[in-house]
Amino acid sequence: MKTYLSVANPVVAALVLALCLWAATHDDGKFKPEGVLAGSISTYFVAKGLFCSATLVLVGKIVALMMERGER
């Protein structure tokens, strides 16, 4: 579990962020970053990616701290 929390969890968070940023900046296979600034569905994908990746990292840190306290 510690390996997952220290290695895999941040990698998964980075992949989630990368996927959401890619979805926000690509439309019909073309790079179109102006949708993010226009406030369309692209902005939702950016916000969702930031929220989900930050939540994954923070919850992983909290669980790691709880596991360390449980071992004492």
Protein backbone atom coordinates (compact mmCIF):
# COMPACT_ATOMS: atom_id res chain seq x y z
CA MET A 1 0.00 0.00 0.00
CA LYS A 2 2.86 2.37 0.76
CA THR A 3 4.30 1.83 -2.71
CA TYR A 4 0.97 2.68 -4.26
CA LEU A 5 0.62 5.84 -2.17
CA SER A 6 4.14 7.06 -2.81
CA VAL A 7 4.58 6.04 -6.47
CA ALA A 8 1.41 5.07 -8.28
CA ASN A 9 -0.99 7.60 -6.75
CA PRO A 10 0.93 10.70 -7.95
CA VAL A 11 1.39 9.11 -11.38
CA VAL A 12 -2.36 8.44 -11.63
CA ALA A 13 -3.05 12.03 -10.55
CA ALA A 14 -0.73 13.35 -13.25
CA LEU A 15 -2.39 11.13 -15.87
CA VAL A 16 -5.86 12.36 -14.84
CA LEU A 17 -4.68 15.96 -15.12
CA ALA A 18 -3.04 15.33 -18.50
CA LEU A 19 -6.13 13.59 -19.86
CA CYS A 20 -8.44 16.39 -18.74
CA LEU A 21 -6.13 19.08 -20.15
CA TRP A 22 -5.93 17.19 -23.43
CA ALA A 23 -9.73 16.92 -23.56
CA ALA A 24 -10.04 20.64 -22.85
CA THR A 25 -7.63 21.77 -25.55
CA HIS A 26 -8.55 19.41 -28.39
CA ASP A 27 -11.69 19.51 -30.47
CA ASP A 28 -12.21 17.12 -33.38
CA GLY A 29 -8.56 16.09 -33.15
CA LYS A 30 -7.30 19.67 -33.54
CA PHE A 31 -5.54 21.78 -30.93
CA LYS A 32 -7.94 24.58 -29.92
CA PRO A 33 -7.02 26.15 -26.56
CA GLU A 34 -9.30 29.18 -27.01
CA GLY A 35 -12.26 27.17 -25.66
CA VAL A 36 -10.74 27.20 -22.18
CA LEU A 37 -10.81 30.99 -22.03
CA ALA A 38 -14.25 31.24 -23.62
CA GLY A 39 -15.90 29.51 -20.67
CA SER A 40 -17.24 26.55 -22.59
CA ILE A 41 -17.18 22.86 -21.64
CA SER A 42 -13.39 23.05 -21.97
CA THR A 43 -13.25 25.13 -18.80
CA TYR A 44 -15.18 22.38 -17.02
CA PHE A 45 -12.58 19.80 -18.07
CA VAL A 46 -9.72 21.96 -16.80
CA ALA A 47 -11.44 22.52 -13.47
CA LYS A 48 -12.38 18.85 -13.14
CA GLY A 49 -8.80 17.78 -13.90
CA LEU A 50 -7.34 20.16 -11.34
CA PHE A 51 -9.84 19.13 -8.67
CA CYS A 52 -9.53 15.38 -9.24
CA SER A 53 -5.73 15.32 -9.41
CA ALA A 54 -5.38 17.51 -6.32
CA THR A 55 -7.87 15.35 -4.45
CA LEU A 56 -6.02 12.17 -5.37
CA VAL A 57 -2.74 13.54 -4.10
CA LEU A 58 -4.18 15.00 -0.88
CA VAL A 59 -6.21 11.92 0.02
CA GLY A 60 -3.15 9.78 -0.67
CA LYS A 61 -1.09 11.90 1.72
CA ILE A 62 -3.81 11.71 4.38
CA VAL A 63 -4.06 7.92 4.10
CA ALA A 64 -0.26 7.60 4.28
CA LEU A 65 -0.18 9.69 7.46
CA MET A 66 -2.99 7.63 8.98
CA MET A 67 -1.09 4.42 8.17
CA GLU A 68 2.07 5.78 9.82
CA ARG A 69 0.17 6.71 12.97
CA GLY A 70 -1.46 3.29 13.05
CA GLU A 71 1.94 1.55 13.04
CA ARG A 72 3.09 3.31 16.18
